[in-house]
Amino acid sequence: MNAAAPHELPLSGVRVIDFTQVMLGPVCTQMLGDYGADVIKIERKGAGDLSRTTFEPVAGHDNPVFSSLNRNKRSAALDLKDPSHLAAVRALIAGADVVVNNFRAGVMERMGLGYDDCRQINPRIIYAVGTGFGETGPYAHKGGQDVLAQAMSGVMARRADPAHPLSIYATTFADYSAGMHLVQGILLALLHRERTGEGQKVSVALYNSMLAAQMQEAAMIMNADTEINWAAMPLTGVFETKDGAVVVVGAFKANPLRDICAALGIDDISGDPRYATLDAQIAHKHELHAIFRREYATRTTAEWLARLEAQDLLCAPVKQLREALDDPQTRHNGMVIDVDDGGERLRVVGSPIRMTAAPAVTRRPPPRLGEHTDEVLAEARAQVTVRSER
């Protein structure tokens, strides 16, 4: 993934002016860059993307959090209060295909770079916006953030067991989901423009992405007044073993409880009236899980996986991320890539999309702040010259 592309990438020739920072926007524009787009990252002069300073950096590299989200981009460090820098950005937009930002509502407009402004500069522009709750409405000006979207969308309240305390999902689920929705919207808009010549505005919100992720659960509530919780199914759970933990999904079989009992080496209790039907299993879930916990504690994870898989039950070990990154399937899938960062090796997670004819290529390491300012400003001047000669 690190050599120059031996093939034409799908987004080659597409120029993206990227005002994003933190995660929602950068994960979107990195995906565009992975597949060939020329992404120009506009950063605050002297400060840059907030994620550059989120945690202590590794010596010799920019912050790893920033680096994980910003390969295949060029960085221009500009002061948009400086009229010459603002004029340069407007010139870049005139020759661009996509503008992306994830500021609060009104920020781009105050700089004279809102959708209507950019459409005047370039009628074919795709103007992509990521927000917390939407550009309009009662929460439009509320600070948007992953955890807030989890909380307000109902995601945080959904637990495998209501007795468990409320907690924050430990991975930035909302940011990543919304970022991928923004990629989809941009690609759809580019396809529409290819067919019609029309630019347009594309917007996503963390809040909307979290609601969309719960489409099955929402449909049951709205149409059947019933709640479903996949994590709370009575034969599904996470159980500690002698040396770790195993997750078991007791579903998609005619009589999964019978097969679980066979794997555990205990008498078949699937005919017991307390456990004979799904409703009965739900009512007696705590009793069932007490049996499961007692048995799983007696053997190692590897032993249980072998016994469960022998019964064709869905199961897996519970791994730490460190273990998953070094897993043979991770290596086989090529999900950890090496980026040549000025002679030093930077290891990051690569694109999860596999394409046989046009796979992702890392053409540029994550940029140092302002690394490409001079060349980007030169391109802006050239764009002004081209426009003046028309």
Protein backbone atom coordinates (compact mmCIF):
# COMPACT_ATOMS: atom_id res chain seq x y z
CA MET A 1 0.00 0.00 0.00
CA ASN A 2 2.96 2.33 0.24
CA ALA A 3 4.39 2.44 -3.26
CA ALA A 4 3.25 4.70 -6.06
CA ALA A 5 0.01 3.47 -7.57
CA PRO A 6 0.59 1.06 -10.48
CA HIS A 7 -3.01 1.63 -11.49
CA GLU A 8 -5.40 4.51 -11.98
CA LEU A 9 -7.05 5.22 -8.65
CA PRO A 10 -10.82 5.85 -8.73
CA LEU A 11 -10.54 9.42 -7.44
CA SER A 12 -7.44 10.49 -9.37
CA GLY A 13 -7.96 14.05 -10.60
CA VAL A 14 -10.44 14.91 -7.83
CA ARG A 15 -9.26 17.82 -5.67
CA VAL A 16 -10.56 18.15 -2.12
CA ILE A 17 -10.17 21.29 0.02
CA ASP A 18 -10.27 19.93 3.55
CA PHE A 19 -11.08 22.21 6.50
CA THR A 20 -11.76 19.31 8.87
CA GLN A 21 -10.17 18.33 12.13
CA VAL A 22 -10.34 15.74 14.93
CA MET A 23 -12.03 12.61 13.48
CA LEU A 24 -15.38 12.85 11.66
CA GLY A 25 -13.99 14.93 8.80
CA PRO A 26 -10.40 13.64 8.66
CA VAL A 27 -11.44 9.98 8.50
CA CYS A 28 -13.66 10.92 5.55
CA THR A 29 -11.00 12.87 3.64
CA GLN A 30 -8.35 10.22 4.34
CA MET A 31 -10.57 7.64 2.65
CA LEU A 32 -10.86 9.95 -0.36
CA GLY A 33 -7.09 10.39 -0.38
CA ASP A 34 -6.48 6.64 -0.12
CA TYR A 35 -8.28 6.21 -3.44
CA GLY A 36 -6.52 8.96 -5.33
CA ALA A 37 -8.01 12.34 -4.41
CA ASP A 38 -5.63 15.30 -3.99
CA VAL A 39 -6.56 16.38 -0.46
CA ILE A 40 -5.34 19.82 0.60
CA LYS A 41 -5.71 20.14 4.36
CA ILE A 42 -6.20 23.75 5.44
CA GLU A 43 -4.89 24.12 9.00
CA ARG A 44 -4.67 26.99 11.44
CA LYS A 45 -1.28 28.62 11.22
CA GLY A 46 0.78 27.86 14.32
CA ALA A 47 -1.74 25.39 15.76
CA GLY A 48 -3.12 22.98 13.19
CA ASP A 49 -5.66 20.22 13.61
CA LEU A 50 -6.61 19.73 17.27
CA SER A 51 -5.70 16.05 17.03
CA ARG A 52 -2.04 16.98 16.51
CA THR A 53 -1.84 17.71 20.24
CA THR A 54 -4.47 15.38 21.70
CA PHE A 55 -1.89 13.07 23.31
CA GLU A 56 1.87 13.10 23.68
CA PRO A 57 3.51 12.35 20.31
CA VAL A 58 5.98 9.59 19.63
CA ALA A 59 9.48 11.05 19.21
CA GLY A 60 10.22 11.74 15.56
CA HIS A 61 6.62 11.70 14.41
CA ASP A 62 3.59 13.90 14.60
CA ASN A 63 0.97 12.77 17.06
CA PRO A 64 -0.07 9.16 16.33
CA VAL A 65 -3.75 10.07 16.66
CA PHE A 66 -3.31 12.71 13.95
CA SER A 67 -1.20 10.38 11.83
CA SER A 68 -3.86 7.67 11.90
CA LEU A 69 -6.33 10.01 10.17
CA ASN A 70 -4.29 12.15 7.79
CA ARG A 71 -2.18 10.18 5.31
CA ASN A 72 -2.46 11.05 1.62
CA LYS A 73 -2.98 14.76 2.37
CA ARG A 74 -1.02 17.98 1.94
CA SER A 75 -1.00 20.52 4.77
CA ALA A 76 -1.25 24.26 4.19
CA ALA A 77 -1.00 26.30 7.40
CA LEU A 78 -2.93 29.52 6.79
CA ASP A 79 -4.40 32.46 8.67
CA LEU A 80 -7.85 32.93 7.17
CA LYS A 81 -8.09 36.37 8.81
CA ASP A 82 -5.29 37.39 6.44
CA PRO A 83 -6.99 38.64 3.25
CA SER A 84 -4.24 37.19 1.05
CA HIS A 85 -4.62 33.73 2.58
CA LEU A 86 -8.40 33.88 2.33
CA ALA A 87 -8.09 34.91 -1.31
CA ALA A 88 -5.76 31.97 -1.91
CA VAL A 89 -8.30 29.56 -0.42
CA ARG A 90 -11.03 31.00 -2.59
CA ALA A 91 -8.79 30.51 -5.63
CA LEU A 92 -8.22 26.88 -4.63
CA ILE A 93 -11.95 26.34 -4.29
CA ALA A 94 -12.44 27.72 -7.79
CA GLY A 95 -10.39 24.84 -9.17
CA ALA A 96 -11.55 22.15 -6.72
CA ASP A 97 -14.19 19.45 -6.81
CA VAL A 98 -15.03 19.06 -3.13
CA VAL A 99 -14.94 21.26 -0.02
CA VAL A 100 -15.30 19.51 3.34
CA ASN A 101 -15.70 20.96 6.83
CA ASN A 102 -16.96 19.80 10.22
CA PHE A 103 -17.26 23.14 12.03
CA ARG A 104 -20.27 24.24 14.04
CA ALA A 105 -23.06 25.83 12.06
CA GLY A 106 -22.16 29.36 10.94
CA VAL A 107 -18.35 29.15 11.17
CA MET A 108 -17.68 28.77 7.44
CA GLU A 109 -20.33 31.38 6.62
CA ARG A 110 -18.63 33.94 8.86
CA MET A 111 -15.42 33.42 6.90
CA GLY A 112 -17.25 33.92 3.62
CA LEU A 113 -16.81 30.24 2.77
CA GLY A 114 -20.34 28.90 3.26
CA TYR A 115 -22.09 26.85 0.59
CA ASP A 116 -23.64 29.85 -1.16
CA ASP A 117 -20.24 31.60 -1.18
CA CYS A 118 -18.45 28.58 -2.59
CA ARG A 119 -21.18 27.96 -5.17
CA GLN A 120 -20.66 31.50 -6.43
CA ILE A 121 -16.95 30.76 -6.79
CA ASN A 122 -17.48 27.33 -8.37
CA PRO A 123 -21.01 26.22 -9.38
CA ARG A 124 -19.85 22.60 -9.75
CA ILE A 125 -18.51 22.35 -6.21
CA ILE A 126 -19.54 19.48 -3.92
CA TYR A 127 -19.82 21.10 -0.50
CA ALA A 128 -19.72 18.47 2.26
CA VAL A 129 -20.52 19.24 5.89
CA GLY A 130 -20.30 17.09 9.01
CA THR A 131 -22.02 18.37 12.16
CA GLY A 132 -23.05 17.11 15.56
CA PHE A 133 -26.81 17.38 15.23
CA GLY A 134 -27.56 19.02 11.88
CA GLU A 135 -27.11 22.45 10.34
CA THR A 136 -30.57 23.62 11.41
CA GLY A 137 -32.96 22.76 14.20
CA PRO A 138 -32.97 23.10 17.98
CA TYR A 139 -29.48 21.62 18.48
CA ALA A 140 -27.76 23.10 15.43
CA HIS A 141 -25.48 25.36 17.47
CA LYS A 142 -24.84 22.86 20.26
CA GLY A 143 -21.30 21.54 20.35
CA GLY A 144 -21.28 18.18 18.59
CA GLN A 145 -19.06 15.34 19.76
CA ASP A 146 -19.04 11.55 19.55
CA VAL A 147 -20.00 10.89 23.18
CA LEU A 148 -22.83 13.42 23.09
CA ALA A 149 -24.26 11.73 20.00
CA GLN A 150 -24.07 8.37 21.76
CA ALA A 151 -25.98 9.82 24.70
CA MET A 152 -28.69 11.75 22.86
CA SER A 153 -29.43 9.13 20.20
CA GLY A 154 -30.24 6.34 22.64
CA VAL A 155 -27.08 4.33 21.92
CA MET A 156 -25.59 4.91 25.36
CA ALA A 157 -28.76 3.78 27.15
CA ARG A 158 -28.77 0.43 25.34
CA ARG A 159 -26.98 -2.15 27.48
CA ALA A 160 -26.88 -5.94 27.55
CA ASP A 161 -28.21 -5.78 31.12
CA PRO A 162 -30.13 -2.79 32.53
CA ALA A 163 -28.46 -3.48 35.87
CA HIS A 164 -25.12 -2.49 34.38
CA PRO A 165 -24.15 1.17 34.93
CA LEU A 166 -24.37 3.56 32.00
CA SER A 167 -21.04 4.00 30.27
CA ILE A 168 -19.37 5.58 27.26
CA TYR A 169 -18.64 3.32 24.31
CA ALA A 170 -14.85 3.18 24.29
CA THR A 171 -14.35 3.60 20.52
CA THR A 172 -15.41 6.66 18.52
CA PHE A 173 -18.36 4.87 16.97
CA ALA A 174 -20.30 8.01 16.02
CA ASP A 175 -17.34 9.83 14.45
CA TYR A 176 -16.34 6.86 12.33
CA SER A 177 -19.90 6.08 11.21
CA ALA A 178 -20.64 9.69 10.27
CA GLY A 179 -17.28 9.99 8.52
CA MET A 180 -18.07 6.98 6.35
CA HIS A 181 -21.56 8.34 5.64
CA LEU A 182 -19.90 11.59 4.52
CA VAL A 183 -17.66 9.62 2.13
CA GLN A 184 -20.76 7.96 0.69
CA GLY A 185 -22.51 11.29 0.26
CA ILE A 186 -19.52 12.84 -1.52
CA LEU A 187 -19.19 9.90 -3.89
CA LEU A 188 -22.91 10.00 -4.67
CA ALA A 189 -22.68 13.74 -5.34
CA LEU A 190 -19.68 13.26 -7.64
CA LEU A 191 -21.60 10.60 -9.56
CA HIS A 192 -24.63 12.90 -9.81
CA ARG A 193 -22.41 15.73 -11.07
CA GLU A 194 -20.85 13.42 -13.65
CA ARG A 195 -24.32 12.77 -15.03
CA THR A 196 -25.87 16.23 -14.70
CA GLY A 197 -23.04 18.77 -14.32
CA GLU A 198 -24.60 19.98 -11.06
CA GLY A 199 -22.76 20.54 -7.82
CA GLN A 200 -24.61 20.28 -4.51
CA LYS A 201 -24.39 20.31 -0.76
CA VAL A 202 -23.97 17.08 1.21
CA SER A 203 -24.40 16.93 4.96
CA VAL A 204 -24.28 14.32 7.68
CA ALA A 205 -24.63 14.51 11.46
CA LEU A 206 -23.22 12.37 14.24
CA TYR A 207 -26.72 12.22 15.72
CA ASN A 208 -28.31 11.00 12.47
CA SER A 209 -25.63 8.35 11.98
CA MET A 210 -26.30 6.96 15.45
CA LEU A 211 -30.04 6.86 14.81
CA ALA A 212 -29.42 5.10 11.49
CA ALA A 213 -27.23 2.51 13.20
CA GLN A 214 -30.27 1.57 15.30
CA MET A 215 -32.65 1.15 12.36
CA GLN A 216 -33.80 -2.35 13.38
CA GLU A 217 -34.43 -1.40 16.97
CA ALA A 218 -36.16 1.84 15.96
CA ALA A 219 -38.49 0.04 13.54
CA MET A 220 -39.59 -2.35 16.29
CA ILE A 221 -40.32 0.51 18.69
CA MET A 222 -42.20 2.61 16.15
CA ASN A 223 -44.18 -0.18 14.51
CA ALA A 224 -44.61 -2.90 17.12
CA ASP A 225 -44.06 -0.95 20.35
CA THR A 226 -41.50 -3.61 21.25
CA GLU A 227 -37.84 -3.29 22.13
CA ILE A 228 -35.18 -5.66 20.86
CA ASN A 229 -31.69 -5.90 22.27
CA TRP A 230 -29.30 -8.22 20.46
CA ALA A 231 -26.80 -8.09 23.31
CA ALA A 232 -29.44 -9.19 25.83
CA MET A 233 -30.50 -12.42 24.10
CA PRO A 234 -30.60 -15.17 26.74
CA LEU A 235 -28.12 -17.59 25.16
CA THR A 236 -25.65 -14.89 24.15
CA GLY A 237 -23.01 -13.54 26.48
CA VAL A 238 -19.40 -12.97 27.47
CA PHE A 239 -18.03 -15.48 29.95
CA GLU A 240 -14.73 -15.53 31.81
CA THR A 241 -12.56 -18.60 31.38
CA LYS A 242 -9.50 -19.80 33.28
CA ASP A 243 -7.25 -17.54 31.23
CA GLY A 244 -9.44 -14.95 29.54
CA ALA A 245 -12.95 -14.72 28.19
CA VAL A 246 -15.10 -16.12 25.42
CA VAL A 247 -18.16 -14.67 23.70
CA VAL A 248 -20.92 -17.03 22.59
CA VAL A 249 -23.87 -16.22 20.32
CA GLY A 250 -26.56 -18.82 21.00
CA ALA A 251 -28.70 -18.19 17.94
CA PHE A 252 -29.38 -19.18 14.31
CA LYS A 253 -29.87 -22.85 15.22
CA ALA A 254 -32.92 -25.02 15.85
CA ASN A 255 -31.97 -25.70 19.49
CA PRO A 256 -28.86 -23.75 20.46
CA LEU A 257 -29.27 -24.45 24.18
CA ARG A 258 -29.00 -28.19 23.57
CA ASP A 259 -25.76 -27.63 21.66
CA ILE A 260 -24.40 -25.31 24.34
CA CYS A 261 -25.07 -27.98 26.96
CA ALA A 262 -23.25 -30.54 24.79
CA ALA A 263 -20.25 -28.23 24.50
CA LEU A 264 -20.26 -27.58 28.25
CA GLY A 265 -20.50 -31.30 28.99
CA ILE A 266 -23.62 -30.95 31.14
CA ASP A 267 -27.05 -32.52 30.97
CA ASP A 268 -29.33 -31.11 28.26
CA ILE A 269 -31.63 -28.62 29.99
CA SER A 270 -33.35 -27.43 26.82
CA GLY A 271 -36.40 -29.56 27.69
CA ASP A 272 -36.75 -28.03 31.16
CA PRO A 273 -39.94 -25.87 31.18
CA ARG A 274 -37.87 -22.98 32.58
CA TYR A 275 -35.72 -22.96 29.44
CA ALA A 276 -37.78 -24.69 26.75
CA THR A 277 -38.86 -21.54 24.85
CA LEU A 278 -37.27 -18.19 24.07
CA ASP A 279 -39.70 -16.39 26.39
CA ALA A 280 -38.86 -18.83 29.17
CA GLN A 281 -35.13 -18.41 28.57
CA ILE A 282 -35.51 -14.62 28.73
CA ALA A 283 -37.43 -14.92 32.01
CA HIS A 284 -34.73 -17.18 33.49
CA LYS A 285 -31.71 -15.64 31.83
CA HIS A 286 -29.89 -14.95 35.13
CA GLU A 287 -30.21 -18.62 36.14
CA LEU A 288 -28.93 -19.76 32.75
CA HIS A 289 -25.98 -17.40 32.86
CA ALA A 290 -25.10 -18.51 36.37
CA ILE A 291 -24.78 -22.07 35.02
CA PHE A 292 -22.74 -20.86 32.05
CA ARG A 293 -20.38 -18.76 34.18
CA ARG A 294 -19.72 -21.65 36.54
CA GLU A 295 -18.82 -24.00 33.69
CA TYR A 296 -16.78 -21.60 31.57
CA ALA A 297 -14.55 -20.80 34.55
CA THR A 298 -13.30 -24.39 34.59
CA ARG A 299 -11.36 -24.46 31.30
CA THR A 300 -9.15 -22.25 29.17
CA THR A 301 -10.41 -20.11 26.34
CA ALA A 302 -8.76 -22.36 23.74
CA GLU A 303 -10.42 -25.45 25.22
CA TRP A 304 -13.84 -23.82 25.15
CA LEU A 305 -13.44 -22.56 21.59
CA ALA A 306 -12.64 -26.10 20.43
CA ARG A 307 -15.65 -27.56 22.24
CA LEU A 308 -18.06 -24.82 21.12
CA GLU A 309 -16.91 -24.95 17.50
CA ALA A 310 -17.32 -28.74 17.53
CA GLN A 311 -21.03 -28.03 18.12
CA ASP A 312 -21.06 -25.43 15.32
CA LEU A 313 -21.78 -22.62 17.78
CA LEU A 314 -20.80 -19.03 17.03
CA CYS A 315 -18.00 -18.12 19.42
CA ALA A 316 -14.79 -16.10 19.65
CA PRO A 317 -12.10 -15.18 22.15
CA VAL A 318 -12.30 -11.71 23.68
CA LYS A 319 -9.08 -10.00 22.67
CA GLN A 320 -7.32 -6.80 23.58
CA LEU A 321 -6.65 -4.44 20.67
CA ARG A 322 -2.91 -5.15 21.01
CA GLU A 323 -3.67 -8.82 20.37
CA ALA A 324 -6.01 -8.09 17.47
CA LEU A 325 -3.37 -5.94 15.75
CA ASP A 326 -0.96 -8.88 15.85
CA ASP A 327 -3.55 -11.50 14.88
CA PRO A 328 -2.70 -13.66 11.83
CA GLN A 329 -6.02 -12.69 10.20
CA THR A 330 -5.12 -9.01 10.62
CA ARG A 331 -1.79 -9.64 8.93
CA HIS A 332 -3.39 -11.72 6.17
CA ASN A 333 -5.95 -8.97 5.51
CA GLY A 334 -3.22 -6.35 5.30
CA MET A 335 -4.99 -4.14 7.81
CA VAL A 336 -1.80 -2.80 9.43
CA ILE A 337 0.31 -0.85 6.95
CA ASP A 338 3.74 0.72 7.12
CA VAL A 339 4.13 4.30 5.99
CA ASP A 340 7.56 5.68 5.13
CA ASP A 341 7.56 8.89 7.15
CA GLY A 342 10.82 10.56 6.15
CA GLY A 343 12.88 7.41 6.57
CA GLU A 344 11.10 6.33 9.75
CA ARG A 345 8.45 3.64 9.87
CA LEU A 346 4.97 4.70 10.89
CA ARG A 347 2.47 1.88 11.46
CA VAL A 348 -1.24 2.64 11.08
CA VAL A 349 -4.48 0.85 10.25
CA GLY A 350 -5.19 0.80 6.52
CA SER A 351 -8.38 1.00 4.48
CA PRO A 352 -10.91 -1.77 5.16
CA ILE A 353 -12.12 -1.70 1.53
CA ARG A 354 -10.65 -4.25 -0.85
CA MET A 355 -10.78 -3.56 -4.61
CA THR A 356 -9.18 -5.94 -7.08
CA ALA A 357 -8.53 -3.39 -9.84
CA ALA A 358 -7.85 -0.25 -7.80
CA PRO A 359 -6.69 -0.95 -4.23
CA ALA A 360 -5.86 1.87 -1.86
CA VAL A 361 -2.35 3.30 -2.04
CA THR A 362 -0.45 5.35 0.54
CA ARG A 363 1.13 8.00 -1.65
CA ARG A 364 1.96 10.49 1.10
CA PRO A 365 2.73 10.14 4.81
CA PRO A 366 0.73 12.27 7.26
CA PRO A 367 1.96 15.84 6.68
CA ARG A 368 3.85 18.02 9.10
CA LEU A 369 1.97 21.19 9.92
CA GLY A 370 2.31 23.56 6.97
CA GLU A 371 4.61 21.22 5.09
CA HIS A 372 3.02 22.09 1.75
CA THR A 373 2.00 25.71 2.35
CA ASP A 374 4.33 27.21 -0.25
CA GLU A 375 3.38 24.80 -3.02
CA VAL A 376 -0.35 25.12 -2.26
CA LEU A 377 -0.13 28.94 -2.33
CA ALA A 378 1.75 28.69 -5.64
CA GLU A 379 -1.07 26.54 -7.03
CA ALA A 380 -3.59 29.12 -5.82
CA ARG A 381 -1.70 31.87 -7.65
CA ALA A 382 -1.62 29.72 -10.78
CA GLN A 383 -5.37 29.20 -10.50
CA VAL A 384 -5.90 32.96 -10.34
CA THR A 385 -3.77 33.38 -13.46
CA VAL A 386 -5.74 30.74 -15.33
CA ARG A 387 -9.05 32.37 -14.41
CA SER A 388 -7.85 35.83 -15.41
CA GLU A 389 -6.78 34.54 -18.82
CA ARG A 390 -10.17 33.04 -19.63
